[in-house]
Amino acid sequence: MENQVKYNGLAIAGFVVSLASLLINFGGIVGLVGTILSAIGLSQVNSKGEKGKGMAIAGLVVGIVSILYGIYSIANCVSIFTA
């Protein structure tokens, strides 16, 4: 039986949560969770030699964009209500 390299679960979870944060964005908190999971997954991929590096990087990028959008939307709401 071959020694198959497996995908890192945290890299997959981080990518999926980051994608979900594009639809459900509670002020960037869901994106923050996706970013953290992706960062841990990327670290594990690099140290253990597992698959999933691309998904972890994509999760980081999408998560960071989601966080920035969450900050923007909160700032926009605050400026509307204080005007």
Protein backbone atom coordinates (compact mmCIF):
# COMPACT_ATOMS: atom_id res chain seq x y z
CA MET A 1 0.00 0.00 0.00
CA GLU A 2 1.30 3.42 -0.94
CA ASN A 3 1.98 6.12 1.59
CA GLN A 4 -0.57 8.71 0.43
CA VAL A 5 -0.19 12.33 1.46
CA LYS A 6 -3.44 13.60 2.93
CA TYR A 7 -5.02 17.02 2.80
CA ASN A 8 -4.78 19.12 5.93
CA GLY A 9 -8.17 19.42 7.61
CA LEU A 10 -7.57 22.91 8.98
CA ALA A 11 -6.58 24.20 5.55
CA ILE A 12 -9.85 22.89 4.14
CA ALA A 13 -11.87 24.22 7.08
CA GLY A 14 -10.22 27.65 6.84
CA PHE A 15 -10.99 27.86 3.14
CA VAL A 16 -14.62 26.84 3.63
CA VAL A 17 -15.17 29.23 6.54
CA SER A 18 -13.54 32.06 4.61
CA LEU A 19 -15.85 31.41 1.66
CA ALA A 20 -18.83 31.35 4.02
CA SER A 21 -17.70 34.70 5.42
CA LEU A 22 -18.46 36.26 2.04
CA LEU A 23 -22.13 35.43 2.63
CA ILE A 24 -22.29 35.68 6.43
CA ASN A 25 -20.10 38.53 7.59
CA PHE A 26 -20.75 39.58 11.19
CA GLY A 27 -18.45 42.57 11.09
CA GLY A 28 -15.57 40.47 9.85
CA ILE A 29 -15.65 37.95 12.70
CA VAL A 30 -16.35 34.96 10.45
CA GLY A 31 -13.52 36.10 8.17
CA LEU A 32 -11.24 36.32 11.20
CA VAL A 33 -12.05 32.72 12.14
CA GLY A 34 -11.38 31.60 8.56
CA THR A 35 -8.10 33.49 8.50
CA ILE A 36 -6.94 31.94 11.77
CA LEU A 37 -7.86 28.42 10.65
CA SER A 38 -6.12 28.96 7.31
CA ALA A 39 -2.97 30.30 8.98
CA ILE A 40 -2.77 27.31 11.33
CA GLY A 41 -3.48 24.97 8.42
CA LEU A 42 -0.74 26.59 6.31
CA SER A 43 1.71 26.21 9.16
CA GLN A 44 0.84 22.53 9.53
CA VAL A 45 1.05 21.95 5.76
CA ASN A 46 4.55 23.42 5.70
CA SER A 47 5.77 21.50 8.76
CA LYS A 48 4.16 18.10 8.05
CA GLY A 49 4.41 18.08 4.27
CA GLU A 50 0.68 17.61 3.75
CA LYS A 51 -1.45 18.78 0.83
CA GLY A 52 -3.64 21.88 0.97
CA LYS A 53 -1.20 24.76 0.73
CA GLY A 54 -3.19 26.44 -2.06
CA MET A 55 -6.45 26.17 -0.13
CA ALA A 56 -4.82 27.60 2.98
CA ILE A 57 -3.43 30.57 1.04
CA ALA A 58 -6.78 31.15 -0.67
CA GLY A 59 -8.48 30.99 2.72
CA LEU A 60 -6.08 33.60 4.05
CA VAL A 61 -6.70 35.96 1.14
CA VAL A 62 -10.49 35.59 1.19
CA GLY A 63 -10.58 35.85 4.99
CA ILE A 64 -8.53 39.04 5.00
CA VAL A 65 -10.73 40.58 2.30
CA SER A 66 -13.78 39.64 4.37
CA ILE A 67 -12.29 41.24 7.50
CA LEU A 68 -11.54 44.45 5.59
CA TYR A 69 -15.06 44.51 4.17
CA GLY A 70 -16.47 43.99 7.67
CA ILE A 71 -14.46 46.92 9.01
CA TYR A 72 -15.57 49.04 6.06
CA SER A 73 -19.23 48.18 6.58
CA ILE A 74 -19.08 48.94 10.31
CA ALA A 75 -17.36 52.28 9.63
CA ASN A 76 -19.97 53.08 6.98
CA CYS A 77 -22.85 52.29 9.35
CA VAL A 78 -21.31 54.39 12.10
CA SER A 79 -20.85 57.34 9.76
CA ILE A 80 -24.47 57.08 8.56
CA PHE A 81 -25.91 57.03 12.07
CA THR A 82 -23.69 59.85 13.38
CA ALA A 83 -24.36 62.19 10.48
